[in-house]
């Protein structure tokens, strides 16, 4: 019964998000030239991904969520070299929004900033170096999109740190929830038992044999 409910929720949410694609695309019509689009597509295609980077399928899914939901303010916990941030940042550029991405490793932050510069997404993505558990509570304003992909045992702590800043309708995506489920069980159970959220686990990429939790804040 529970699996059937999750499938129904997934179908409804996907229909809602895909239905919004035309609106965000119209908003951004003509914003990027064919030359810039080709440069970005080639850069992503030739990107040297590390094992800790988001997979191509997952990164594309994240961009679809950003654009189709019309998200304006996003935060990513765990930048690595910025592969996922490039996809989401492109989406935020098209919605007129902005992504803040956080990583504790200075080498990762330096690499991510360089990649964002090469993609010409500096106006849409800001990379912050620091411990996300300290950075998140200090962020100003509200957020409507969150991607969590860092220390698995700290997922609940990341979530609690950003939760007061989430607006109704916000989307939260948590990575690696199948293979590392036991390390984040407190997070998954907290969200699943909270009537203010809907959650479904999806697999957008077969590459890593894992999945992501897609969470929708009702109110």
N, C-alpha and C. Protein backbone atom coordinates (compact mmCIF):
# COMPACT_ATOMS: atom_id res chain seq x y z
N UNK A 1 0.83 -1.20 0.00
CA UNK A 1 0.00 0.00 0.00
C UNK A 1 0.87 1.25 0.00
N UNK A 2 1.92 1.23 0.86
CA UNK A 2 2.80 2.38 0.97
C UNK A 2 3.55 2.62 -0.34
N UNK A 3 4.02 1.52 -0.98
CA UNK A 3 4.72 1.65 -2.25
C UNK A 3 3.80 2.23 -3.31
N UNK A 4 2.55 1.78 -3.31
CA UNK A 4 1.59 2.30 -4.28
C UNK A 4 1.35 3.79 -4.07
N UNK A 5 1.27 4.20 -2.79
CA UNK A 5 1.10 5.62 -2.49
C UNK A 5 2.28 6.42 -2.98
N UNK A 6 3.49 5.90 -2.77
CA UNK A 6 4.69 6.61 -3.22
C UNK A 6 4.70 6.75 -4.74
N UNK A 7 4.28 5.69 -5.44
CA UNK A 7 4.23 5.77 -6.91
C UNK A 7 3.22 6.81 -7.36
N UNK A 8 2.08 6.87 -6.67
CA UNK A 8 1.06 7.85 -7.01
C UNK A 8 1.57 9.27 -6.78
N UNK A 9 2.20 9.47 -5.64
CA UNK A 9 2.76 10.79 -5.32
C UNK A 9 3.80 11.17 -6.36
N UNK A 10 4.66 10.22 -6.72
CA UNK A 10 5.70 10.50 -7.70
C UNK A 10 5.10 10.93 -9.02
N UNK A 11 4.04 10.24 -9.45
CA UNK A 11 3.40 10.57 -10.72
C UNK A 11 2.78 11.97 -10.68
N UNK A 12 2.12 12.28 -9.56
CA UNK A 12 1.49 13.59 -9.43
C UNK A 12 2.52 14.71 -9.41
N UNK A 13 3.60 14.51 -8.66
CA UNK A 13 4.64 15.54 -8.58
C UNK A 13 5.33 15.72 -9.91
N UNK A 14 5.61 14.61 -10.59
CA UNK A 14 6.27 14.70 -11.89
C UNK A 14 5.40 15.44 -12.88
N UNK A 15 4.11 15.17 -12.86
CA UNK A 15 3.19 15.88 -13.76
C UNK A 15 3.19 17.37 -13.46
N UNK A 16 3.21 17.70 -12.17
CA UNK A 16 3.23 19.11 -11.77
C UNK A 16 4.49 19.79 -12.25
N UNK A 17 5.65 19.13 -12.04
CA UNK A 17 6.92 19.74 -12.41
C UNK A 17 7.07 19.88 -13.92
N UNK A 18 6.73 18.81 -14.64
CA UNK A 18 6.87 18.86 -16.09
C UNK A 18 5.92 19.90 -16.67
N UNK A 19 4.75 20.03 -16.06
CA UNK A 19 3.80 21.03 -16.51
C UNK A 19 4.32 22.44 -16.42
N UNK A 20 5.26 22.66 -15.50
CA UNK A 20 5.82 23.99 -15.34
C UNK A 20 6.99 24.29 -16.25
N UNK A 21 7.45 23.31 -16.99
CA UNK A 21 8.63 23.51 -17.83
C UNK A 21 8.44 24.63 -18.85
N UNK A 22 7.27 24.67 -19.50
CA UNK A 22 7.05 25.66 -20.54
C UNK A 22 7.13 27.08 -19.98
N UNK A 23 6.65 27.26 -18.74
CA UNK A 23 6.68 28.58 -18.14
C UNK A 23 8.09 29.06 -17.89
N UNK A 24 8.94 28.20 -17.29
CA UNK A 24 10.30 28.63 -16.99
C UNK A 24 11.10 28.81 -18.26
N UNK A 25 10.83 27.97 -19.27
CA UNK A 25 11.54 28.10 -20.54
C UNK A 25 11.18 29.42 -21.21
N UNK A 26 9.90 29.79 -21.14
CA UNK A 26 9.47 31.05 -21.75
C UNK A 26 10.12 32.23 -21.03
N UNK A 27 10.23 32.13 -19.70
CA UNK A 27 10.85 33.20 -18.92
C UNK A 27 12.27 33.45 -19.38
N UNK A 28 12.97 32.35 -19.74
CA UNK A 28 14.39 32.48 -20.05
C UNK A 28 14.67 32.53 -21.55
N UNK A 29 13.62 32.65 -22.36
CA UNK A 29 13.81 32.62 -23.81
C UNK A 29 14.82 33.67 -24.26
N UNK A 30 15.80 33.23 -25.00
CA UNK A 30 16.80 34.14 -25.54
C UNK A 30 17.86 34.57 -24.55
N UNK A 31 17.84 34.00 -23.35
CA UNK A 31 18.78 34.43 -22.31
C UNK A 31 20.19 33.97 -22.61
N UNK A 32 20.34 32.78 -23.17
CA UNK A 32 21.67 32.31 -23.53
C UNK A 32 21.76 32.08 -25.03
N UNK A 33 22.84 32.51 -25.61
CA UNK A 33 23.02 32.42 -27.05
C UNK A 33 23.34 30.98 -27.45
N UNK A 34 23.14 30.64 -28.74
CA UNK A 34 23.51 29.30 -29.21
C UNK A 34 24.98 28.99 -28.97
N UNK A 35 25.83 30.02 -29.09
CA UNK A 35 27.27 29.81 -28.88
C UNK A 35 27.56 29.45 -27.42
N UNK A 36 26.94 30.17 -26.50
CA UNK A 36 27.15 29.89 -25.09
C UNK A 36 26.57 28.54 -24.71
N UNK A 37 25.41 28.22 -25.27
CA UNK A 37 24.79 26.94 -24.99
C UNK A 37 25.68 25.79 -25.46
N UNK A 38 26.28 25.96 -26.65
CA UNK A 38 27.18 24.93 -27.19
C UNK A 38 28.42 24.79 -26.30
N UNK A 39 28.97 25.94 -25.86
CA UNK A 39 30.14 25.90 -24.99
C UNK A 39 29.82 25.12 -23.72
N UNK A 40 28.67 25.40 -23.13
CA UNK A 40 28.29 24.72 -21.89
C UNK A 40 28.04 23.24 -22.10
N UNK A 41 27.35 22.90 -23.16
CA UNK A 41 27.09 21.49 -23.44
C UNK A 41 28.38 20.71 -23.64
N UNK A 42 29.32 21.31 -24.36
CA UNK A 42 30.61 20.65 -24.59
C UNK A 42 31.39 20.52 -23.28
N UNK A 43 31.34 21.56 -22.45
CA UNK A 43 32.08 21.53 -21.19
C UNK A 43 31.54 20.43 -20.28
N UNK A 44 30.23 20.33 -20.19
CA UNK A 44 29.62 19.29 -19.36
C UNK A 44 29.91 17.90 -19.92
N UNK A 45 29.84 17.78 -21.25
CA UNK A 45 30.09 16.49 -21.89
C UNK A 45 31.52 16.00 -21.62
N UNK A 46 32.47 16.92 -21.60
CA UNK A 46 33.88 16.56 -21.43
C UNK A 46 34.36 16.70 -19.98
N UNK A 47 33.44 16.95 -19.06
CA UNK A 47 33.78 17.16 -17.65
C UNK A 47 34.42 15.91 -17.06
N UNK A 48 35.53 16.09 -16.38
CA UNK A 48 36.20 14.97 -15.71
C UNK A 48 35.57 14.78 -14.33
N UNK A 49 34.64 13.86 -14.25
CA UNK A 49 33.94 13.63 -12.99
C UNK A 49 34.77 12.75 -12.04
N UNK A 50 34.69 13.11 -10.76
CA UNK A 50 35.26 12.28 -9.71
C UNK A 50 34.18 11.32 -9.19
N UNK A 51 34.60 10.32 -8.44
CA UNK A 51 33.63 9.37 -7.90
C UNK A 51 32.61 10.05 -6.99
N UNK A 52 33.01 11.17 -6.37
CA UNK A 52 32.10 11.85 -5.45
C UNK A 52 31.18 12.83 -6.16
N UNK A 53 31.37 13.03 -7.45
CA UNK A 53 30.48 13.92 -8.20
C UNK A 53 29.13 13.26 -8.45
N UNK A 54 28.12 14.08 -8.61
CA UNK A 54 26.80 13.61 -9.01
C UNK A 54 26.90 12.95 -10.39
N UNK A 55 26.09 11.92 -10.63
CA UNK A 55 26.10 11.27 -11.93
C UNK A 55 25.38 12.14 -12.96
N UNK A 56 25.64 11.93 -14.26
CA UNK A 56 24.97 12.73 -15.29
C UNK A 56 23.45 12.66 -15.21
N UNK A 57 22.92 11.47 -15.00
CA UNK A 57 21.47 11.33 -14.91
C UNK A 57 20.88 12.09 -13.74
N UNK A 58 21.52 11.97 -12.58
CA UNK A 58 21.04 12.67 -11.40
C UNK A 58 21.17 14.18 -11.57
N UNK A 59 22.29 14.63 -12.14
CA UNK A 59 22.50 16.07 -12.34
C UNK A 59 21.45 16.65 -13.27
N UNK A 60 21.13 15.92 -14.33
CA UNK A 60 20.10 16.38 -15.26
C UNK A 60 18.74 16.43 -14.57
N UNK A 61 18.46 15.43 -13.76
CA UNK A 61 17.20 15.40 -13.01
C UNK A 61 17.10 16.61 -12.08
N UNK A 62 18.20 16.96 -11.43
CA UNK A 62 18.20 18.13 -10.54
C UNK A 62 17.88 19.40 -11.31
N UNK A 63 18.47 19.53 -12.50
CA UNK A 63 18.18 20.72 -13.31
C UNK A 63 16.70 20.76 -13.71
N UNK A 64 16.17 19.62 -14.07
CA UNK A 64 14.75 19.56 -14.43
C UNK A 64 13.88 20.02 -13.26
N UNK A 65 14.22 19.56 -12.06
CA UNK A 65 13.44 19.96 -10.89
C UNK A 65 13.52 21.47 -10.66
N UNK A 66 14.72 22.01 -10.79
CA UNK A 66 14.90 23.45 -10.59
C UNK A 66 14.06 24.24 -11.58
N UNK A 67 14.20 23.92 -12.85
CA UNK A 67 13.50 24.69 -13.88
C UNK A 67 11.99 24.49 -13.84
N UNK A 68 11.56 23.25 -13.71
CA UNK A 68 10.13 22.98 -13.79
C UNK A 68 9.38 23.49 -12.57
N UNK A 69 10.05 23.57 -11.42
CA UNK A 69 9.40 24.10 -10.23
C UNK A 69 9.51 25.62 -10.16
N UNK A 70 10.35 26.20 -11.04
CA UNK A 70 10.55 27.64 -11.02
C UNK A 70 11.29 28.12 -9.78
N UNK A 71 12.15 27.27 -9.23
CA UNK A 71 12.88 27.60 -8.01
C UNK A 71 13.70 28.88 -8.17
N UNK A 72 13.77 29.68 -7.11
CA UNK A 72 14.47 30.96 -7.16
C UNK A 72 15.69 31.00 -6.25
N UNK A 73 15.64 30.30 -5.12
CA UNK A 73 16.78 30.33 -4.19
C UNK A 73 17.08 28.90 -3.76
N UNK A 74 18.26 28.42 -4.13
CA UNK A 74 18.63 27.06 -3.82
C UNK A 74 19.91 26.98 -3.02
N UNK A 75 20.07 25.87 -2.31
CA UNK A 75 21.30 25.63 -1.58
C UNK A 75 21.71 24.16 -1.77
N UNK A 76 22.98 23.95 -2.02
CA UNK A 76 23.53 22.60 -2.17
C UNK A 76 24.53 22.37 -1.04
N UNK A 77 24.41 21.22 -0.38
CA UNK A 77 25.35 20.83 0.66
C UNK A 77 26.25 19.74 0.08
N UNK A 78 27.50 20.10 -0.21
CA UNK A 78 28.44 19.15 -0.81
C UNK A 78 28.67 19.46 -2.27
N UNK A 79 29.61 20.35 -2.55
CA UNK A 79 29.85 20.82 -3.91
C UNK A 79 30.72 19.89 -4.73
N UNK A 80 31.75 19.31 -4.09
CA UNK A 80 32.83 18.61 -4.80
C UNK A 80 33.41 19.56 -5.85
N UNK A 81 33.60 19.10 -7.08
CA UNK A 81 34.16 19.99 -8.10
C UNK A 81 33.09 20.72 -8.90
N UNK A 82 31.83 20.59 -8.48
CA UNK A 82 30.78 21.43 -9.04
C UNK A 82 29.97 20.87 -10.18
N UNK A 83 30.08 19.57 -10.45
CA UNK A 83 29.33 19.00 -11.59
C UNK A 83 27.83 19.20 -11.42
N UNK A 84 27.31 18.86 -10.25
CA UNK A 84 25.88 19.06 -10.00
C UNK A 84 25.51 20.52 -9.99
N UNK A 85 26.38 21.35 -9.41
CA UNK A 85 26.11 22.79 -9.33
C UNK A 85 26.03 23.43 -10.71
N UNK A 86 26.81 22.91 -11.66
CA UNK A 86 26.75 23.44 -13.03
C UNK A 86 25.36 23.22 -13.63
N UNK A 87 24.83 22.02 -13.44
CA UNK A 87 23.50 21.72 -13.97
C UNK A 87 22.43 22.55 -13.26
N UNK A 88 22.46 22.54 -11.94
CA UNK A 88 21.47 23.32 -11.20
C UNK A 88 21.62 24.80 -11.46
N UNK A 89 22.88 25.28 -11.54
CA UNK A 89 23.12 26.70 -11.79
C UNK A 89 22.56 27.13 -13.13
N UNK A 90 22.69 26.29 -14.13
CA UNK A 90 22.11 26.59 -15.45
C UNK A 90 20.60 26.71 -15.32
N UNK A 91 20.01 25.79 -14.55
CA UNK A 91 18.57 25.86 -14.32
C UNK A 91 18.17 27.12 -13.59
N UNK A 92 18.93 27.49 -12.56
CA UNK A 92 18.61 28.71 -11.82
C UNK A 92 18.79 29.96 -12.68
N UNK A 93 19.75 29.94 -13.57
CA UNK A 93 19.90 31.07 -14.49
C UNK A 93 18.62 31.24 -15.30
N UNK A 94 18.06 30.14 -15.75
CA UNK A 94 16.87 30.18 -16.59
C UNK A 94 15.61 30.57 -15.80
N UNK A 95 15.60 30.34 -14.49
CA UNK A 95 14.44 30.76 -13.69
C UNK A 95 14.64 32.15 -13.10
N UNK A 96 15.83 32.71 -13.31
CA UNK A 96 16.13 34.00 -12.70
C UNK A 96 16.49 33.88 -11.24
N UNK A 97 16.91 32.68 -10.82
CA UNK A 97 17.22 32.42 -9.43
C UNK A 97 18.71 32.34 -9.15
N UNK A 98 19.05 31.78 -7.99
CA UNK A 98 20.44 31.71 -7.58
C UNK A 98 20.67 30.49 -6.69
N UNK A 99 21.84 29.87 -6.85
CA UNK A 99 22.23 28.70 -6.07
C UNK A 99 23.43 29.04 -5.20
N UNK A 100 23.35 28.68 -3.91
CA UNK A 100 24.49 28.74 -3.01
C UNK A 100 24.93 27.30 -2.76
N UNK A 101 26.18 27.00 -3.04
CA UNK A 101 26.68 25.64 -2.84
C UNK A 101 27.83 25.67 -1.85
N UNK A 102 27.84 24.71 -0.93
CA UNK A 102 28.75 24.73 0.22
C UNK A 102 29.63 23.49 0.24
N UNK A 103 30.93 23.71 0.48
CA UNK A 103 31.85 22.58 0.65
C UNK A 103 32.94 22.97 1.64
N UNK A 104 33.39 22.01 2.43
CA UNK A 104 34.37 22.28 3.46
C UNK A 104 35.81 22.19 2.96
N UNK A 105 36.00 21.51 1.81
CA UNK A 105 37.34 21.27 1.27
C UNK A 105 37.77 22.45 0.39
N UNK A 106 38.85 23.17 0.75
CA UNK A 106 39.27 24.34 -0.04
C UNK A 106 39.69 23.98 -1.47
N UNK A 107 40.24 22.79 -1.67
CA UNK A 107 40.64 22.39 -3.03
C UNK A 107 39.41 22.16 -3.90
N UNK A 108 38.38 21.56 -3.32
CA UNK A 108 37.13 21.35 -4.05
C UNK A 108 36.49 22.68 -4.39
N UNK A 109 36.49 23.58 -3.44
CA UNK A 109 35.89 24.90 -3.64
C UNK A 109 36.60 25.64 -4.77
N UNK A 110 37.93 25.58 -4.77
CA UNK A 110 38.71 26.24 -5.82
C UNK A 110 38.39 25.66 -7.20
N UNK A 111 38.31 24.33 -7.27
CA UNK A 111 38.00 23.67 -8.55
C UNK A 111 36.59 24.00 -9.01
N UNK A 112 35.65 24.00 -8.08
CA UNK A 112 34.26 24.31 -8.43
C UNK A 112 34.12 25.73 -8.94
N UNK A 113 34.77 26.66 -8.29
CA UNK A 113 34.70 28.06 -8.73
C UNK A 113 35.27 28.22 -10.13
N UNK A 114 36.35 27.51 -10.40
CA UNK A 114 36.95 27.59 -11.73
C UNK A 114 36.02 27.01 -12.78
N UNK A 115 35.37 25.90 -12.47
CA UNK A 115 34.45 25.29 -13.42
C UNK A 115 33.22 26.16 -13.65
N UNK A 116 32.74 26.78 -12.61
CA UNK A 116 31.59 27.69 -12.73
C UNK A 116 31.96 28.89 -13.60
N UNK A 117 33.17 29.38 -13.42
CA UNK A 117 33.65 30.50 -14.24
C UNK A 117 33.72 30.10 -15.71
N UNK A 118 34.22 28.89 -15.98
CA UNK A 118 34.33 28.42 -17.36
C UNK A 118 32.96 28.26 -18.00
N UNK A 119 31.97 27.93 -17.19
CA UNK A 119 30.59 27.80 -17.70
C UNK A 119 29.86 29.14 -17.75
N UNK A 120 30.53 30.19 -17.26
CA UNK A 120 29.95 31.54 -17.23
C UNK A 120 28.65 31.58 -16.42
N UNK A 121 28.71 30.95 -15.25
CA UNK A 121 27.55 30.91 -14.38
C UNK A 121 27.79 31.63 -13.05
N UNK A 122 28.78 32.54 -13.03
CA UNK A 122 29.13 33.23 -11.78
C UNK A 122 27.96 34.03 -11.22
N UNK A 123 27.08 34.52 -12.09
CA UNK A 123 25.95 35.34 -11.62
C UNK A 123 24.84 34.49 -11.02
N UNK A 124 24.90 33.18 -11.27
CA UNK A 124 23.82 32.30 -10.81
C UNK A 124 24.24 31.32 -9.73
N UNK A 125 25.55 31.19 -9.50
CA UNK A 125 26.05 30.23 -8.51
C UNK A 125 27.11 30.89 -7.64
N UNK A 126 26.97 30.74 -6.33
CA UNK A 126 27.98 31.19 -5.37
C UNK A 126 28.50 29.98 -4.60
N UNK A 127 29.82 29.81 -4.58
CA UNK A 127 30.44 28.70 -3.85
C UNK A 127 30.94 29.23 -2.51
N UNK A 128 30.51 28.61 -1.43
CA UNK A 128 30.91 29.02 -0.08
C UNK A 128 31.77 27.93 0.54
N UNK A 129 32.94 28.29 1.02
CA UNK A 129 33.79 27.33 1.71
C UNK A 129 33.47 27.34 3.20
N UNK A 130 33.25 26.16 3.76
CA UNK A 130 32.99 26.09 5.19
C UNK A 130 32.23 24.82 5.55
N UNK A 131 32.06 24.61 6.84
CA UNK A 131 31.27 23.50 7.38
C UNK A 131 29.80 23.86 7.23
N UNK A 132 29.07 23.06 6.46
CA UNK A 132 27.66 23.37 6.19
C UNK A 132 26.84 23.51 7.46
N UNK A 133 27.20 22.77 8.50
CA UNK A 133 26.45 22.85 9.75
C UNK A 133 26.60 24.22 10.41
N UNK A 134 27.67 24.92 10.05
CA UNK A 134 27.86 26.27 10.56
C UNK A 134 27.36 27.32 9.57
N UNK A 135 27.48 27.02 8.28
CA UNK A 135 27.09 27.97 7.24
C UNK A 135 25.57 28.07 7.11
N UNK A 136 24.87 26.95 7.10
CA UNK A 136 23.43 26.94 6.84
C UNK A 136 22.64 27.84 7.80
N UNK A 137 22.87 27.78 9.09
CA UNK A 137 22.08 28.65 9.99
C UNK A 137 22.32 30.14 9.76
N UNK A 138 23.44 30.49 9.15
CA UNK A 138 23.79 31.89 8.95
C UNK A 138 23.28 32.45 7.62
N UNK A 139 22.77 31.59 6.75
CA UNK A 139 22.27 32.06 5.46
C UNK A 139 21.03 32.93 5.67
N UNK A 140 20.96 34.02 4.94
CA UNK A 140 19.83 34.93 5.08
C UNK A 140 18.72 34.60 4.09
N UNK A 141 17.51 34.93 4.45
CA UNK A 141 16.38 34.74 3.55
C UNK A 141 15.83 33.33 3.59
N UNK A 142 14.97 33.05 2.61
CA UNK A 142 14.31 31.75 2.51
C UNK A 142 14.77 31.01 1.27
N UNK A 143 14.46 29.70 1.24
CA UNK A 143 14.90 28.85 0.13
C UNK A 143 13.75 27.96 -0.33
N UNK A 144 13.75 27.67 -1.63
CA UNK A 144 12.72 26.78 -2.18
C UNK A 144 13.31 25.55 -2.86
N UNK A 145 14.63 25.38 -2.76
CA UNK A 145 15.25 24.18 -3.33
C UNK A 145 16.51 23.83 -2.53
N UNK A 146 16.66 22.55 -2.17
CA UNK A 146 17.82 22.09 -1.41
C UNK A 146 18.29 20.75 -1.98
N UNK A 147 19.60 20.62 -2.14
CA UNK A 147 20.18 19.34 -2.52
C UNK A 147 21.23 18.98 -1.48
N UNK A 148 21.07 17.82 -0.85
CA UNK A 148 21.98 17.37 0.20
C UNK A 148 22.77 16.17 -0.31
N UNK A 149 24.10 16.31 -0.33
CA UNK A 149 24.97 15.22 -0.78
C UNK A 149 26.34 15.39 -0.12
N UNK A 150 26.36 15.18 1.20
CA UNK A 150 27.61 15.34 1.94
C UNK A 150 27.73 14.18 2.94
N UNK A 151 28.16 14.46 4.15
CA UNK A 151 28.35 13.41 5.16
C UNK A 151 27.00 12.76 5.49
N UNK A 152 26.88 11.48 5.21
CA UNK A 152 25.58 10.80 5.27
C UNK A 152 24.97 10.81 6.67
N UNK A 153 25.77 10.61 7.69
CA UNK A 153 25.25 10.55 9.06
C UNK A 153 24.74 11.91 9.54
N UNK A 154 25.09 12.97 8.82
CA UNK A 154 24.68 14.32 9.22
C UNK A 154 23.49 14.85 8.43
N UNK A 155 22.84 14.01 7.64
CA UNK A 155 21.72 14.50 6.82
C UNK A 155 20.63 15.16 7.67
N UNK A 156 20.29 14.55 8.80
CA UNK A 156 19.25 15.14 9.64
C UNK A 156 19.69 16.49 10.18
N UNK A 157 20.96 16.61 10.51
CA UNK A 157 21.47 17.89 11.04
C UNK A 157 21.45 18.96 9.95
N UNK A 158 21.82 18.59 8.71
CA UNK A 158 21.73 19.55 7.60
C UNK A 158 20.28 20.00 7.42
N UNK A 159 19.39 19.02 7.43
CA UNK A 159 17.98 19.31 7.20
C UNK A 159 17.42 20.23 8.28
N UNK A 160 17.73 19.94 9.53
CA UNK A 160 17.24 20.77 10.63
C UNK A 160 17.81 22.19 10.57
N UNK A 161 19.05 22.31 10.06
CA UNK A 161 19.68 23.62 9.98
C UNK A 161 19.02 24.52 8.93
N UNK A 162 18.52 23.91 7.85
CA UNK A 162 17.93 24.70 6.76
C UNK A 162 16.41 24.74 6.85
N UNK A 163 15.80 23.83 7.58
CA UNK A 163 14.34 23.71 7.61
C UNK A 163 13.62 25.01 7.97
N UNK A 164 14.08 25.79 8.96
CA UNK A 164 13.36 27.03 9.30
C UNK A 164 13.32 28.04 8.15
N UNK A 165 14.17 27.85 7.15
CA UNK A 165 14.25 28.80 6.03
C UNK A 165 13.50 28.30 4.79
N UNK A 166 12.86 27.14 4.88
CA UNK A 166 12.17 26.56 3.73
C UNK A 166 10.75 27.12 3.59
N UNK A 167 10.41 27.52 2.39
CA UNK A 167 9.07 28.03 2.13
C UNK A 167 8.14 26.88 1.77
N UNK A 168 6.82 27.04 1.95
CA UNK A 168 5.88 26.02 1.47
C UNK A 168 6.09 25.80 -0.03
N UNK A 169 6.09 24.54 -0.44
CA UNK A 169 6.34 24.22 -1.84
C UNK A 169 7.80 23.96 -2.14
N UNK A 170 8.66 24.08 -1.13
CA UNK A 170 10.09 23.83 -1.34
C UNK A 170 10.34 22.36 -1.67
N UNK A 171 11.37 22.13 -2.47
CA UNK A 171 11.78 20.78 -2.83
C UNK A 171 13.13 20.51 -2.19
N UNK A 172 13.24 19.37 -1.51
CA UNK A 172 14.50 18.94 -0.90
C UNK A 172 14.87 17.61 -1.53
N UNK A 173 16.09 17.50 -2.03
CA UNK A 173 16.57 16.26 -2.62
C UNK A 173 17.76 15.77 -1.80
N UNK A 174 17.70 14.52 -1.37
CA UNK A 174 18.79 13.92 -0.59
C UNK A 174 19.36 12.74 -1.36
N UNK A 175 20.67 12.74 -1.57
CA UNK A 175 21.30 11.71 -2.40
C UNK A 175 21.73 10.50 -1.57
N UNK A 176 21.93 9.39 -2.27
CA UNK A 176 22.50 8.15 -1.70
C UNK A 176 21.64 7.52 -0.62
N UNK A 177 20.31 7.59 -0.78
CA UNK A 177 19.43 7.12 0.28
C UNK A 177 19.14 5.62 0.23
N UNK A 178 19.66 4.93 -0.76
CA UNK A 178 19.48 3.47 -0.83
C UNK A 178 20.70 2.76 -0.24
N UNK A 179 21.85 3.02 -0.81
CA UNK A 179 23.07 2.35 -0.35
C UNK A 179 23.49 2.77 1.05
N UNK A 180 23.18 4.01 1.43
CA UNK A 180 23.60 4.52 2.73
C UNK A 180 22.41 4.78 3.65
N UNK A 181 21.33 4.06 3.41
CA UNK A 181 20.10 4.27 4.17
C UNK A 181 20.33 4.18 5.68
N UNK A 182 21.09 3.18 6.12
CA UNK A 182 21.28 2.98 7.55
C UNK A 182 22.02 4.13 8.21
N UNK A 183 22.83 4.87 7.43
CA UNK A 183 23.57 5.99 8.00
C UNK A 183 22.72 7.25 8.14
N UNK A 184 21.58 7.25 7.49
CA UNK A 184 20.71 8.44 7.53
C UNK A 184 19.27 8.08 7.90
N UNK A 185 19.12 6.97 8.60
CA UNK A 185 17.79 6.47 8.93
C UNK A 185 17.00 7.48 9.77
N UNK A 186 17.69 8.18 10.66
CA UNK A 186 17.00 9.18 11.48
C UNK A 186 16.41 10.29 10.61
N UNK A 187 17.13 10.70 9.58
CA UNK A 187 16.64 11.73 8.66
C UNK A 187 15.43 11.23 7.88
N UNK A 188 15.55 10.05 7.29
CA UNK A 188 14.47 9.51 6.47
C UNK A 188 13.21 9.28 7.29
N UNK A 189 13.35 8.77 8.49
CA UNK A 189 12.19 8.52 9.34
C UNK A 189 11.55 9.82 9.81
N UNK A 190 12.37 10.83 10.08
CA UNK A 190 11.85 12.13 10.51
C UNK A 190 10.98 12.73 9.43
N UNK A 191 11.45 12.71 8.19
CA UNK A 191 10.69 13.30 7.09
C UNK A 191 9.45 12.47 6.79
N UNK A 192 9.61 11.15 6.78
CA UNK A 192 8.49 10.27 6.44
C UNK A 192 7.35 10.40 7.45
N UNK A 193 7.69 10.65 8.69
CA UNK A 193 6.66 10.73 9.74
C UNK A 193 6.11 12.14 9.96
N UNK A 194 6.62 13.10 9.19
CA UNK A 194 6.16 14.48 9.33
C UNK A 194 5.06 14.76 8.31
N UNK A 195 3.84 15.09 8.75
CA UNK A 195 2.73 15.32 7.81
C UNK A 195 2.91 16.54 6.93
N UNK A 196 3.91 17.36 7.22
CA UNK A 196 4.15 18.54 6.40
C UNK A 196 4.97 18.24 5.14
N UNK A 197 5.40 16.99 4.99
CA UNK A 197 6.24 16.64 3.85
C UNK A 197 5.72 15.39 3.14
N UNK A 198 5.93 15.38 1.82
CA UNK A 198 5.75 14.18 1.01
C UNK A 198 7.13 13.74 0.54
N UNK A 199 7.39 12.43 0.55
CA UNK A 199 8.70 11.93 0.14
C UNK A 199 8.56 10.68 -0.72
N UNK A 200 9.38 10.62 -1.76
CA UNK A 200 9.45 9.43 -2.59
C UNK A 200 10.90 9.21 -2.97
N UNK A 201 11.32 7.96 -3.06
CA UNK A 201 12.68 7.62 -3.44
C UNK A 201 12.69 7.23 -4.91
N UNK A 202 13.56 7.87 -5.68
CA UNK A 202 13.64 7.60 -7.11
C UNK A 202 15.07 7.26 -7.50
N UNK A 203 15.21 6.60 -8.63
CA UNK A 203 16.54 6.32 -9.20
C UNK A 203 16.58 6.94 -10.59
N UNK A 204 17.26 8.07 -10.71
CA UNK A 204 17.35 8.77 -11.99
C UNK A 204 18.56 8.31 -12.80
N UNK A 205 19.44 7.54 -12.17
CA UNK A 205 20.65 7.07 -12.85
C UNK A 205 20.95 5.65 -12.41
N UNK A 206 21.26 4.79 -13.38
CA UNK A 206 21.65 3.42 -13.08
C UNK A 206 23.15 3.31 -12.82
N UNK A 207 23.86 4.41 -13.04
CA UNK A 207 25.32 4.38 -12.99
C UNK A 207 25.86 4.01 -11.62
N UNK A 208 25.24 4.51 -10.55
CA UNK A 208 25.79 4.28 -9.22
C UNK A 208 24.98 3.28 -8.39
N UNK A 209 23.91 2.73 -8.96
CA UNK A 209 23.08 1.75 -8.25
C UNK A 209 22.61 2.29 -6.90
N UNK A 210 22.12 3.51 -6.92
CA UNK A 210 21.66 4.17 -5.70
C UNK A 210 20.44 5.01 -6.05
N UNK A 211 19.98 5.81 -5.12
CA UNK A 211 18.81 6.61 -5.39
C UNK A 211 18.79 7.90 -4.59
N UNK A 212 17.79 8.73 -4.88
CA UNK A 212 17.62 10.01 -4.20
C UNK A 212 16.22 10.09 -3.61
N UNK A 213 16.12 10.71 -2.44
CA UNK A 213 14.82 11.02 -1.87
C UNK A 213 14.40 12.40 -2.36
N UNK A 214 13.23 12.49 -2.94
CA UNK A 214 12.67 13.77 -3.37
C UNK A 214 11.55 14.11 -2.40
N UNK A 215 11.72 15.25 -1.75
CA UNK A 215 10.82 15.64 -0.66
C UNK A 215 10.13 16.96 -1.02
N UNK A 216 8.84 17.03 -0.76
CA UNK A 216 8.06 18.22 -1.09
C UNK A 216 7.46 18.78 0.20
N UNK A 217 7.71 20.04 0.48
CA UNK A 217 7.18 20.68 1.69
C UNK A 217 5.77 21.20 1.41
N UNK A 218 4.81 20.66 2.10
CA UNK A 218 3.42 21.01 1.86
C UNK A 218 3.05 22.37 2.46
N UNK A 219 3.57 22.64 3.66
CA UNK A 219 3.22 23.91 4.32
C UNK A 219 4.25 24.27 5.36
